[in-house]
Protein backbone atom coordinates (compact mmCIF):
# COMPACT_ATOMS: atom_id res chain seq x y z
CA UNK A 1 0.00 0.00 0.00
CA UNK A 2 1.15 3.53 -0.76
CA UNK A 3 0.15 6.34 1.58
CA UNK A 4 1.12 9.96 0.99
CA UNK A 5 -0.20 13.32 2.06
CA UNK A 6 -0.50 16.47 0.01
CA UNK A 7 1.34 18.43 2.70
CA UNK A 8 4.30 16.03 2.70
CA UNK A 9 4.61 16.14 -1.09
CA UNK A 10 4.94 19.94 -1.11
CA UNK A 11 8.56 19.69 0.08
CA UNK A 12 9.72 16.89 -2.23
CA UNK A 13 10.65 16.36 -5.87
CA UNK A 14 6.97 15.52 -6.43
CA UNK A 15 6.18 19.25 -6.23
CA UNK A 16 6.66 20.93 -9.62
CA UNK A 17 6.21 24.60 -10.51
CA UNK A 18 5.77 25.65 -14.13
CA UNK A 19 8.53 27.86 -15.51
CA UNK A 20 5.90 30.12 -17.11
CA UNK A 21 4.26 30.86 -13.75
CA UNK A 22 0.81 29.45 -14.62
CA UNK A 23 0.61 26.50 -12.24
CA UNK A 24 2.13 24.24 -9.61
CA UNK A 25 1.46 20.56 -9.15
CA UNK A 26 1.82 18.02 -6.37
CA UNK A 27 2.27 14.73 -8.14
CA UNK A 28 1.14 12.20 -5.60
CA UNK A 29 1.29 9.12 -7.83
CA UNK A 30 3.91 8.73 -10.58
CA UNK A 31 5.20 6.20 -13.08
CA UNK A 32 7.65 4.66 -10.58
CA UNK A 33 4.68 3.75 -8.35
CA UNK A 34 3.69 1.18 -11.03
CA UNK A 35 -0.05 1.90 -11.08
CA UNK A 36 -0.35 2.61 -14.82
CA UNK A 37 -1.47 6.24 -14.32
CA UNK A 38 -0.38 9.30 -12.40
CA UNK A 39 -2.45 11.42 -10.01
CA UNK A 40 -1.81 15.09 -9.25
CA UNK A 41 -3.32 17.94 -7.30
CA UNK A 42 -2.64 21.00 -9.44
CA UNK A 43 -3.16 24.68 -8.70
CA UNK A 44 -3.74 26.97 -11.67
CA UNK A 45 -3.07 30.57 -10.68
CA UNK A 46 -5.75 33.24 -11.07
CA UNK A 47 -5.44 34.95 -14.46
CA UNK A 48 -3.63 32.05 -16.12
CA UNK A 49 -4.63 31.64 -19.77
CA UNK A 50 -2.58 29.09 -21.70
CA UNK A 51 -2.81 26.41 -24.35
CA UNK A 52 -2.08 22.73 -23.95
CA UNK A 53 -2.04 19.78 -26.31
CA UNK A 54 -1.27 16.47 -24.66
CA UNK A 55 -0.27 14.61 -27.80
CA UNK A 56 1.07 11.61 -25.87
CA UNK A 57 -1.20 11.50 -22.81
CA UNK A 58 -4.86 11.23 -21.96
CA UNK A 59 -6.00 13.35 -19.02
CA UNK A 60 -9.01 13.57 -16.75
CA UNK A 61 -9.43 16.73 -14.66
CA UNK A 62 -11.79 17.25 -11.70
CA UNK A 63 -12.29 20.74 -10.28
CA UNK A 64 -12.11 20.86 -6.49
CA UNK A 65 -12.16 24.66 -6.10
CA UNK A 66 -12.20 27.85 -8.14
CA UNK A 67 -13.71 28.91 -11.44
CA UNK A 68 -12.49 29.06 -15.01
CA UNK A 69 -13.10 27.63 -18.43
CA UNK A 70 -11.60 25.19 -20.88
CA UNK A 71 -11.91 25.82 -24.60
CA UNK A 72 -11.48 23.06 -27.18
CA UNK A 73 -9.62 24.59 -30.10
CA UNK A 74 -10.95 22.22 -32.77
CA UNK A 75 -14.44 23.73 -32.43
CA UNK A 76 -13.88 26.79 -30.16
CA UNK A 77 -16.45 25.56 -27.63
CA UNK A 78 -15.96 26.95 -24.11
CA UNK A 79 -16.91 24.88 -21.08
CA UNK A 80 -17.35 26.40 -17.62
CA UNK A 81 -15.15 24.91 -14.91
CA UNK A 82 -16.32 25.10 -11.29
CA UNK A 83 -16.25 22.77 -8.27
CA UNK A 84 -17.73 19.42 -9.21
CA UNK A 85 -16.91 19.70 -12.93
CA UNK A 86 -14.86 17.01 -14.65
CA UNK A 87 -13.42 17.35 -18.11
CA UNK A 88 -11.77 14.50 -19.95
CA UNK A 89 -9.31 14.99 -22.78
CA UNK A 90 -10.05 11.63 -24.41
CA UNK A 91 -8.93 12.57 -27.93
CA UNK A 92 -5.67 14.37 -27.13
CA UNK A 93 -7.71 17.55 -27.44
CA UNK A 94 -5.85 20.78 -28.12
CA UNK A 95 -7.28 23.23 -25.58
CA UNK A 96 -6.90 26.48 -23.68
CA UNK A 97 -7.40 26.67 -19.92
CA UNK A 98 -8.37 29.96 -18.27
CA UNK A 99 -8.48 30.54 -14.52
CA UNK A 100 -10.91 33.27 -13.44
CA UNK A 101 -9.93 32.53 -9.84
CA UNK A 102 -7.32 30.17 -8.44
CA UNK A 103 -8.26 26.64 -9.53
CA UNK A 104 -7.55 23.49 -7.54
CA UNK A 105 -7.72 20.47 -9.84
CA UNK A 106 -7.29 16.72 -9.38
CA UNK A 107 -5.65 15.35 -12.54
CA UNK A 108 -5.06 11.81 -13.79
CA UNK A 109 -2.65 11.07 -16.67
CA UNK A 110 -2.25 7.95 -18.78
CA UNK A 111 0.49 7.02 -19.40
CA UNK A 112 1.79 8.18 -16.04
CA UNK A 113 4.21 11.06 -15.69
CA UNK A 114 7.70 10.71 -14.22
CA UNK A 115 7.13 13.80 -12.09
CA UNK A 116 9.41 16.51 -13.43
CA UNK A 117 7.56 17.27 -16.67
CA UNK A 118 6.58 20.78 -17.69
CA UNK A 119 4.85 21.75 -20.93
CA UNK A 120 7.02 21.86 -24.04
CA UNK A 121 6.64 24.49 -26.78
CA UNK A 122 3.58 22.61 -28.12
CA UNK A 123 1.84 22.55 -24.73
CA UNK A 124 2.51 18.84 -24.29
CA UNK A 125 4.46 16.65 -21.89
CA UNK A 126 7.16 14.55 -23.49
CA UNK A 127 6.45 10.83 -23.78
CA UNK A 128 8.46 8.60 -21.45
CA UNK A 129 6.46 5.38 -21.79
CA UNK A 130 4.36 3.49 -24.31
CA UNK A 131 1.80 5.68 -26.07
CA UNK A 132 -1.91 5.29 -25.38
CA UNK A 133 -4.69 5.28 -27.93
CA UNK A 134 -8.22 6.50 -27.47
CA UNK A 135 -9.71 3.56 -29.38
C-alpha atoms as a PDB file:
ATOM      1  CA  UNK A   1       0.000   0.000   0.000  1.00  0.00           C
ATOM      2  CA  UNK A   2       1.146   3.530  -0.764  1.00  0.00           C
ATOM      3  CA  UNK A   3       0.147   6.339   1.581  1.00  0.00           C
ATOM      4  CA  UNK A   4       1.121   9.961   0.991  1.00  0.00           C
ATOM      5  CA  UNK A   5      -0.201  13.323   2.062  1.00  0.00           C
ATOM      6  CA  UNK A   6      -0.499  16.468   0.008  1.00  0.00           C
ATOM      7  CA  UNK A   7       1.341  18.432   2.701  1.00  0.00           C
ATOM      8  CA  UNK A   8       4.295  16.027   2.698  1.00  0.00           C
ATOM      9  CA  UNK A   9       4.609  16.143  -1.090  1.00  0.00           C
ATOM     10  CA  UNK A  10       4.940  19.936  -1.109  1.00  0.00           C
ATOM     11  CA  UNK A  11       8.556  19.688   0.076  1.00  0.00           C
ATOM     12  CA  UNK A  12       9.716  16.895  -2.227  1.00  0.00           C
ATOM     13  CA  UNK A  13      10.650  16.364  -5.868  1.00  0.00           C
ATOM     14  CA  UNK A  14       6.968  15.515  -6.430  1.00  0.00           C
ATOM     15  CA  UNK A  15       6.184  19.249  -6.229  1.00  0.00           C
ATOM     16  CA  UNK A  16       6.663  20.931  -9.624  1.00  0.00           C
ATOM     17  CA  UNK A  17       6.215  24.601 -10.509  1.00  0.00           C
ATOM     18  CA  UNK A  18       5.771  25.649 -14.129  1.00  0.00           C
ATOM     19  CA  UNK A  19       8.533  27.858 -15.507  1.00  0.00           C
ATOM     20  CA  UNK A  20       5.900  30.116 -17.113  1.00  0.00           C
ATOM     21  CA  UNK A  21       4.257  30.857 -13.754  1.00  0.00           C
ATOM     22  CA  UNK A  22       0.812  29.452 -14.617  1.00  0.00           C
ATOM     23  CA  UNK A  23       0.607  26.496 -12.242  1.00  0.00           C
ATOM     24  CA  UNK A  24       2.127  24.240  -9.612  1.00  0.00           C
ATOM     25  CA  UNK A  25       1.465  20.564  -9.152  1.00  0.00           C
ATOM     26  CA  UNK A  26       1.822  18.017  -6.366  1.00  0.00           C
ATOM     27  CA  UNK A  27       2.273  14.727  -8.137  1.00  0.00           C
ATOM     28  CA  UNK A  28       1.138  12.196  -5.598  1.00  0.00           C
ATOM     29  CA  UNK A  29       1.293   9.123  -7.828  1.00  0.00           C
ATOM     30  CA  UNK A  30       3.909   8.732 -10.577  1.00  0.00           C
ATOM     31  CA  UNK A  31       5.205   6.198 -13.075  1.00  0.00           C
ATOM     32  CA  UNK A  32       7.650   4.656 -10.585  1.00  0.00           C
ATOM     33  CA  UNK A  33       4.679   3.751  -8.348  1.00  0.00           C
ATOM     34  CA  UNK A  34       3.687   1.184 -11.028  1.00  0.00           C
ATOM     35  CA  UNK A  35      -0.049   1.899 -11.079  1.00  0.00           C
ATOM     36  CA  UNK A  36      -0.350   2.610 -14.821  1.00  0.00           C
ATOM     37  CA  UNK A  37      -1.470   6.240 -14.323  1.00  0.00           C
ATOM     38  CA  UNK A  38      -0.381   9.302 -12.399  1.00  0.00           C
ATOM     39  CA  UNK A  39      -2.450  11.422 -10.010  1.00  0.00           C
ATOM     40  CA  UNK A  40      -1.812  15.089  -9.253  1.00  0.00           C
ATOM     41  CA  UNK A  41      -3.325  17.944  -7.301  1.00  0.00           C
ATOM     42  CA  UNK A  42      -2.644  20.999  -9.437  1.00  0.00           C
ATOM     43  CA  UNK A  43      -3.162  24.679  -8.698  1.00  0.00           C
ATOM     44  CA  UNK A  44      -3.745  26.969 -11.667  1.00  0.00           C
ATOM     45  CA  UNK A  45      -3.073  30.572 -10.676  1.00  0.00           C
ATOM     46  CA  UNK A  46      -5.747  33.242 -11.075  1.00  0.00           C
ATOM     47  CA  UNK A  47      -5.444  34.947 -14.460  1.00  0.00           C
ATOM     48  CA  UNK A  48      -3.627  32.051 -16.124  1.00  0.00           C
ATOM     49  CA  UNK A  49      -4.634  31.637 -19.771  1.00  0.00           C
ATOM     50  CA  UNK A  50      -2.581  29.091 -21.697  1.00  0.00           C
ATOM     51  CA  UNK A  51      -2.809  26.407 -24.346  1.00  0.00           C
ATOM     52  CA  UNK A  52      -2.081  22.725 -23.948  1.00  0.00           C
ATOM     53  CA  UNK A  53      -2.045  19.780 -26.313  1.00  0.00           C
ATOM     54  CA  UNK A  54      -1.274  16.468 -24.659  1.00  0.00           C
ATOM     55  CA  UNK A  55      -0.275  14.608 -27.797  1.00  0.00           C
ATOM     56  CA  UNK A  56       1.070  11.607 -25.875  1.00  0.00           C
ATOM     57  CA  UNK A  57      -1.197  11.498 -22.813  1.00  0.00           C
ATOM     58  CA  UNK A  58      -4.860  11.227 -21.961  1.00  0.00           C
ATOM     59  CA  UNK A  59      -6.002  13.351 -19.019  1.00  0.00           C
ATOM     60  CA  UNK A  60      -9.009  13.565 -16.748  1.00  0.00           C
ATOM     61  CA  UNK A  61      -9.431  16.733 -14.658  1.00  0.00           C
ATOM     62  CA  UNK A  62     -11.789  17.246 -11.703  1.00  0.00           C
ATOM     63  CA  UNK A  63     -12.285  20.738 -10.281  1.00  0.00           C
ATOM     64  CA  UNK A  64     -12.112  20.856  -6.490  1.00  0.00           C
ATOM     65  CA  UNK A  65     -12.162  24.658  -6.096  1.00  0.00           C
ATOM     66  CA  UNK A  66     -12.204  27.852  -8.145  1.00  0.00           C
ATOM     67  CA  UNK A  67     -13.705  28.908 -11.445  1.00  0.00           C
ATOM     68  CA  UNK A  68     -12.487  29.064 -15.012  1.00  0.00           C
ATOM     69  CA  UNK A  69     -13.100  27.634 -18.434  1.00  0.00           C
ATOM     70  CA  UNK A  70     -11.602  25.191 -20.876  1.00  0.00           C
ATOM     71  CA  UNK A  71     -11.909  25.822 -24.601  1.00  0.00           C
ATOM     72  CA  UNK A  72     -11.475  23.065 -27.177  1.00  0.00           C
ATOM     73  CA  UNK A  73      -9.616  24.587 -30.095  1.00  0.00           C
ATOM     74  CA  UNK A  74     -10.945  22.221 -32.774  1.00  0.00           C
ATOM     75  CA  UNK A  75     -14.439  23.730 -32.426  1.00  0.00           C
ATOM     76  CA  UNK A  76     -13.882  26.785 -30.163  1.00  0.00           C
ATOM     77  CA  UNK A  77     -16.449  25.563 -27.633  1.00  0.00           C
ATOM     78  CA  UNK A  78     -15.957  26.951 -24.108  1.00  0.00           C
ATOM     79  CA  UNK A  79     -16.908  24.880 -21.078  1.00  0.00           C
ATOM     80  CA  UNK A  80     -17.354  26.397 -17.624  1.00  0.00           C
ATOM     81  CA  UNK A  81     -15.145  24.913 -14.910  1.00  0.00           C
ATOM     82  CA  UNK A  82     -16.321  25.101 -11.291  1.00  0.00           C
ATOM     83  CA  UNK A  83     -16.253  22.774  -8.275  1.00  0.00           C
ATOM     84  CA  UNK A  84     -17.729  19.424  -9.212  1.00  0.00           C
ATOM     85  CA  UNK A  85     -16.906  19.703 -12.932  1.00  0.00           C
ATOM     86  CA  UNK A  86     -14.864  17.006 -14.645  1.00  0.00           C
ATOM     87  CA  UNK A  87     -13.421  17.348 -18.114  1.00  0.00           C
ATOM     88  CA  UNK A  88     -11.775  14.496 -19.952  1.00  0.00           C
ATOM     89  CA  UNK A  89      -9.305  14.988 -22.785  1.00  0.00           C
ATOM     90  CA  UNK A  90     -10.048  11.630 -24.412  1.00  0.00           C
ATOM     91  CA  UNK A  91      -8.929  12.569 -27.928  1.00  0.00           C
ATOM     92  CA  UNK A  92      -5.673  14.369 -27.130  1.00  0.00           C
ATOM     93  CA  UNK A  93      -7.712  17.554 -27.438  1.00  0.00           C
ATOM     94  CA  UNK A  94      -5.847  20.779 -28.122  1.00  0.00           C
ATOM     95  CA  UNK A  95      -7.275  23.232 -25.584  1.00  0.00           C
ATOM     96  CA  UNK A  96      -6.904  26.481 -23.680  1.00  0.00           C
ATOM     97  CA  UNK A  97      -7.404  26.667 -19.923  1.00  0.00           C
ATOM     98  CA  UNK A  98      -8.370  29.961 -18.268  1.00  0.00           C
ATOM     99  CA  UNK A  99      -8.480  30.543 -14.517  1.00  0.00           C
ATOM    100  CA  UNK A 100     -10.912  33.271 -13.437  1.00  0.00           C
ATOM    101  CA  UNK A 101      -9.930  32.534  -9.838  1.00  0.00           C
ATOM    102  CA  UNK A 102      -7.319  30.174  -8.443  1.00  0.00           C
ATOM    103  CA  UNK A 103      -8.258  26.642  -9.529  1.00  0.00           C
ATOM    104  CA  UNK A 104      -7.546  23.491  -7.544  1.00  0.00           C
ATOM    105  CA  UNK A 105      -7.716  20.466  -9.835  1.00  0.00           C
ATOM    106  CA  UNK A 106      -7.295  16.719  -9.379  1.00  0.00           C
ATOM    107  CA  UNK A 107      -5.655  15.347 -12.539  1.00  0.00           C
ATOM    108  CA  UNK A 108      -5.061  11.811 -13.795  1.00  0.00           C
ATOM    109  CA  UNK A 109      -2.655  11.071 -16.665  1.00  0.00           C
ATOM    110  CA  UNK A 110      -2.251   7.952 -18.777  1.00  0.00           C
ATOM    111  CA  UNK A 111       0.487   7.021 -19.405  1.00  0.00           C
ATOM    112  CA  UNK A 112       1.789   8.180 -16.038  1.00  0.00           C
ATOM    113  CA  UNK A 113       4.212  11.060 -15.685  1.00  0.00           C
ATOM    114  CA  UNK A 114       7.699  10.706 -14.221  1.00  0.00           C
ATOM    115  CA  UNK A 115       7.125  13.799 -12.091  1.00  0.00           C
ATOM    116  CA  UNK A 116       9.414  16.511 -13.427  1.00  0.00           C
ATOM    117  CA  UNK A 117       7.559  17.274 -16.666  1.00  0.00           C
ATOM    118  CA  UNK A 118       6.578  20.781 -17.689  1.00  0.00           C
ATOM    119  CA  UNK A 119       4.853  21.754 -20.931  1.00  0.00           C
ATOM    120  CA  UNK A 120       7.025  21.863 -24.036  1.00  0.00           C
ATOM    121  CA  UNK A 121       6.638  24.493 -26.785  1.00  0.00           C
ATOM    122  CA  UNK A 122       3.575  22.608 -28.116  1.00  0.00           C
ATOM    123  CA  UNK A 123       1.839  22.547 -24.726  1.00  0.00           C
ATOM    124  CA  UNK A 124       2.510  18.836 -24.285  1.00  0.00           C
ATOM    125  CA  UNK A 125       4.457  16.648 -21.894  1.00  0.00           C
ATOM    126  CA  UNK A 126       7.164  14.545 -23.491  1.00  0.00           C
ATOM    127  CA  UNK A 127       6.451  10.833 -23.783  1.00  0.00           C
ATOM    128  CA  UNK A 128       8.457   8.604 -21.450  1.00  0.00           C
ATOM    129  CA  UNK A 129       6.463   5.380 -21.792  1.00  0.00           C
ATOM    130  CA  UNK A 130       4.363   3.490 -24.306  1.00  0.00           C
ATOM    131  CA  UNK A 131       1.798   5.683 -26.067  1.00  0.00           C
ATOM    132  CA  UNK A 132      -1.910   5.287 -25.379  1.00  0.00           C
ATOM    133  CA  UNK A 133      -4.689   5.283 -27.929  1.00  0.00           C
ATOM    134  CA  UNK A 134      -8.224   6.498 -27.471  1.00  0.00           C
ATOM    135  CA  UNK A 135      -9.713   3.558 -29.381  1.00  0.00           C
END
